[in-house]
Amino acid sequence: MEGTASEGELLRGLVAGDSAAFEQLVRTHGPRMLAVARRMLRSEEDARDCLQEAFMRAHSAIEQFEGRASLGTWLHRIVVNAALMKLRSRRSKPEQSIEDLMPNFDADGCRIEPMWQIDESVETMIGRREVRDLVLASIGKLPDSYRTVLLLRDIEEHTTEDVASELGISAGAVKIRLHRARAALKKLLEPVFEKMEKP
């Protein structure tokens, strides 16, 4: 394939088994898909394995691609599913408790620590370049079951119902985990934002 093919040409090449088309798919979408895998998985090695697995799945399933979404969107879904499979394989390992990351309250229900106000959503903070790495690093400190829900809902923008289906849990459980994950993330970010606000 000469130069950069349109998505239609690329798809025809992929269905025909053209290796140049597959190379173009990897070059075009690989960096963004690797970023998705890195967000979902804590290990660089796991993220790269996940990406390789996702491209292999895409290669073998390309004839099933129905064109309802773009190739990038279809591939994104495959990468997320591959990452979720990797996370499921870890379930036998004990997970860190989120309790240490939750705000503390006294007997009257008042928060013990001073509360630093963060008015931005996770998506907005991720969009600000100067805080992006800090926010992602803080998300990475959350236990997998909470981090995954937060990433799928707030970063990947899946619906509550989709997340419930992908994780094999109820929509109610998704909402509870998301609420707790956001609260824990806010607590992790409060000292960071406080330092940034000081002159």
Protein backbone atom coordinates (compact mmCIF):
# COMPACT_ATOMS: atom_id res chain seq x y z
CA MET A 1 0.00 0.00 0.00
CA GLU A 2 1.49 3.31 -1.09
CA GLY A 3 1.44 6.23 1.35
CA THR A 4 -1.39 6.44 3.85
CA ALA A 5 -4.59 4.73 2.76
CA SER A 6 -8.08 5.95 3.59
CA GLU A 7 -9.96 3.92 6.19
CA GLY A 8 -11.97 2.19 3.44
CA GLU A 9 -8.81 1.24 1.54
CA LEU A 10 -7.15 0.18 4.76
CA LEU A 11 -10.09 -2.05 5.66
CA ARG A 12 -10.10 -3.66 2.22
CA GLY A 13 -6.38 -4.33 2.57
CA LEU A 14 -6.84 -5.82 6.03
CA VAL A 15 -9.65 -8.13 4.85
CA ALA A 16 -7.48 -9.18 1.90
CA GLY A 17 -4.67 -10.10 4.30
CA ASP A 18 -2.30 -7.38 3.04
CA SER A 19 0.61 -7.19 5.50
CA ALA A 20 1.26 -3.53 4.57
CA ALA A 21 -2.31 -2.69 5.60
CA PHE A 22 -1.79 -4.36 8.97
CA GLU A 23 1.50 -2.45 9.43
CA GLN A 24 -0.35 0.79 8.69
CA LEU A 25 -3.05 -0.14 11.23
CA VAL A 26 -0.37 -0.64 13.88
CA ARG A 27 1.47 2.58 12.96
CA THR A 28 -1.72 4.64 12.91
CA HIS A 29 -3.40 3.32 16.04
CA GLY A 30 -0.60 1.70 18.03
CA PRO A 31 0.54 4.72 20.11
CA ARG A 32 -3.00 5.67 21.18
CA MET A 33 -3.93 2.07 21.94
CA LEU A 34 -0.75 1.60 23.98
CA ALA A 35 -1.75 4.65 26.04
CA VAL A 36 -5.13 3.01 26.71
CA ALA A 37 -3.45 -0.24 27.81
CA ARG A 38 -1.04 1.67 30.05
CA ARG A 39 -3.95 3.42 31.78
CA MET A 40 -5.70 0.12 32.40
CA LEU A 41 -2.64 -1.87 33.49
CA ARG A 42 0.09 -0.80 35.89
CA SER A 43 2.95 -2.64 34.20
CA GLU A 44 4.59 -1.51 30.96
CA GLU A 45 5.22 -5.15 30.09
CA ASP A 46 1.56 -6.02 30.67
CA ALA A 47 0.46 -3.03 28.58
CA ARG A 48 2.67 -4.07 25.65
CA ASP A 49 1.52 -7.70 25.93
CA CYS A 50 -2.08 -6.47 25.99
CA LEU A 51 -1.52 -4.34 22.88
CA GLN A 52 0.07 -7.25 21.02
CA GLU A 53 -2.81 -9.52 22.01
CA ALA A 54 -5.33 -6.89 20.89
CA PHE A 55 -3.74 -6.49 17.45
CA MET A 56 -3.63 -10.28 17.05
CA ARG A 57 -7.34 -10.46 17.90
CA ALA A 58 -8.10 -7.62 15.51
CA HIS A 59 -6.14 -9.37 12.75
CA SER A 60 -8.03 -12.63 13.20
CA ALA A 61 -11.44 -10.95 13.56
CA ILE A 62 -11.18 -8.28 10.86
CA GLU A 63 -13.75 -10.01 8.64
CA GLN A 64 -16.28 -9.63 11.48
CA PHE A 65 -15.80 -5.84 11.54
CA GLU A 66 -19.17 -4.45 10.46
CA GLY A 67 -18.18 -0.82 10.01
CA ARG A 68 -20.73 0.57 12.49
CA ALA A 69 -17.88 2.49 14.14
CA SER A 70 -14.43 3.55 12.98
CA LEU A 71 -11.55 1.08 12.98
CA GLY A 72 -10.00 3.08 15.83
CA THR A 73 -13.13 2.76 17.97
CA TRP A 74 -13.38 -0.97 17.22
CA LEU A 75 -9.71 -1.49 18.05
CA HIS A 76 -10.07 0.58 21.23
CA ARG A 77 -12.80 -1.80 22.43
CA ILE A 78 -10.57 -4.80 21.71
CA VAL A 79 -7.69 -3.25 23.70
CA VAL A 80 -9.96 -2.49 26.67
CA ASN A 81 -11.33 -6.05 26.61
CA ALA A 82 -7.81 -7.50 26.43
CA ALA A 83 -6.79 -5.35 29.41
CA LEU A 84 -9.85 -6.47 31.36
CA MET A 85 -8.93 -10.10 30.69
CA LYS A 86 -5.46 -9.45 32.09
CA LEU A 87 -6.98 -7.82 35.17
CA ARG A 88 -9.35 -10.78 35.67
CA SER A 89 -6.38 -13.14 35.65
CA ARG A 90 -5.05 -11.30 38.73
CA ARG A 91 -8.21 -11.79 40.79
CA SER A 92 -6.68 -14.65 42.76
CA LYS A 93 -4.19 -12.18 44.23
CA PRO A 94 -5.32 -10.20 47.30
CA GLU A 95 -6.16 -6.58 46.49
CA GLN A 96 -5.11 -3.58 48.55
CA SER A 97 -7.95 -2.10 50.58
CA ILE A 98 -9.28 1.29 49.48
CA GLU A 99 -10.12 2.26 53.08
CA ASP A 100 -6.73 3.94 53.65
CA LEU A 101 -7.48 6.22 50.68
CA MET A 102 -10.96 7.25 51.85
CA PRO A 103 -11.65 10.49 53.75
CA ASN A 104 -11.87 10.08 57.55
CA PHE A 105 -14.88 11.28 59.55
CA ASP A 106 -15.44 11.76 63.27
CA ALA A 107 -18.34 10.36 65.30
CA ASP A 108 -20.53 13.30 64.27
CA GLY A 109 -19.93 12.68 60.58
CA CYS A 110 -17.61 15.65 60.09
CA ARG A 111 -14.53 15.16 57.97
CA ILE A 112 -11.39 15.04 60.09
CA GLU A 113 -8.90 16.22 57.47
CA PRO A 114 -9.26 19.73 56.08
CA MET A 115 -10.98 19.50 52.71
CA TRP A 116 -9.32 21.00 49.67
CA GLN A 117 -11.91 21.94 47.05
CA ILE A 118 -11.37 20.42 43.61
CA ASP A 119 -14.10 21.68 41.30
CA GLU A 120 -12.89 19.97 38.14
CA SER A 121 -14.03 16.60 36.84
CA VAL A 122 -11.52 13.81 36.25
CA GLU A 123 -11.89 14.29 32.47
CA THR A 124 -11.13 18.02 32.74
CA MET A 125 -8.08 17.43 34.91
CA ILE A 126 -6.79 14.77 32.50
CA GLY A 127 -7.16 17.33 29.69
CA ARG A 128 -4.88 19.83 31.43
CA ARG A 129 -1.37 18.94 30.36
CA GLU A 130 0.35 20.23 33.48
CA VAL A 131 -1.67 17.98 35.79
CA ARG A 132 -2.32 15.02 33.50
CA ASP A 133 0.62 12.92 34.69
CA LEU A 134 -0.13 13.70 38.35
CA VAL A 135 -3.77 12.67 37.95
CA LEU A 136 -2.89 9.47 36.09
CA ALA A 137 -0.26 8.60 38.71
CA SER A 138 -2.84 9.10 41.45
CA ILE A 139 -5.38 6.95 39.60
CA GLY A 140 -2.66 4.29 39.40
CA LYS A 141 -2.55 4.15 43.21
CA LEU A 142 -6.15 2.96 43.44
CA PRO A 143 -6.86 -0.77 43.89
CA ASP A 144 -7.60 -2.48 40.55
CA SER A 145 -11.34 -2.98 41.09
CA TYR A 146 -11.86 0.74 41.76
CA ARG A 147 -9.27 2.02 39.29
CA THR A 148 -10.82 -0.02 36.48
CA VAL A 149 -14.32 1.35 37.12
CA LEU A 150 -13.01 4.92 37.28
CA LEU A 151 -11.04 4.52 34.06
CA LEU A 152 -13.89 2.90 32.16
CA ARG A 153 -16.51 5.43 33.29
CA ASP A 154 -14.60 8.71 33.55
CA ILE A 155 -11.75 8.29 31.06
CA GLU A 156 -13.00 5.79 28.48
CA GLU A 157 -16.56 7.17 28.89
CA HIS A 158 -18.38 3.82 28.90
CA THR A 159 -21.92 3.81 30.27
CA THR A 160 -22.64 2.39 33.72
CA GLU A 161 -24.47 -0.51 32.08
CA ASP A 162 -21.54 -1.26 29.75
CA VAL A 163 -19.08 -1.22 32.64
CA ALA A 164 -21.34 -3.54 34.64
CA SER A 165 -21.50 -5.95 31.70
CA GLU A 166 -17.75 -5.79 31.03
CA LEU A 167 -16.87 -6.42 34.66
CA GLY A 168 -19.63 -8.92 35.41
CA ILE A 169 -21.06 -6.87 38.29
CA SER A 170 -24.33 -5.01 38.87
CA ALA A 171 -24.89 -1.39 37.81
CA GLY A 172 -25.34 -0.59 41.50
CA ALA A 173 -21.90 -2.02 42.30
CA VAL A 174 -20.41 0.09 39.50
CA LYS A 175 -21.95 3.24 40.98
CA ILE A 176 -20.69 2.42 44.49
CA ARG A 177 -17.15 1.66 43.29
CA LEU A 178 -17.13 4.78 41.13
CA HIS A 179 -18.24 6.97 44.04
CA ARG A 180 -15.57 5.51 46.33
CA ALA A 181 -12.89 5.68 43.62
CA ARG A 182 -13.65 9.38 42.99
CA ALA A 183 -13.55 10.10 46.73
CA ALA A 184 -10.21 8.31 47.10
CA LEU A 185 -8.78 10.07 44.03
CA LYS A 186 -9.87 13.43 45.40
CA LYS A 187 -8.10 12.71 48.69
CA LEU A 188 -4.94 11.69 46.83
CA LEU A 189 -5.04 14.86 44.73
CA GLU A 190 -5.84 17.35 47.49
CA PRO A 191 -2.22 17.81 48.71
CA VAL A 192 -1.00 18.01 45.10
CA PHE A 193 -3.49 20.73 44.17
CA GLU A 194 -2.87 22.58 47.44
CA LYS A 195 0.85 22.83 46.60
CA MET A 196 0.05 23.95 43.04
CA GLU A 197 -2.22 26.73 44.30
CA LYS A 198 0.34 28.15 46.72
CA PRO A 199 2.35 31.10 45.34
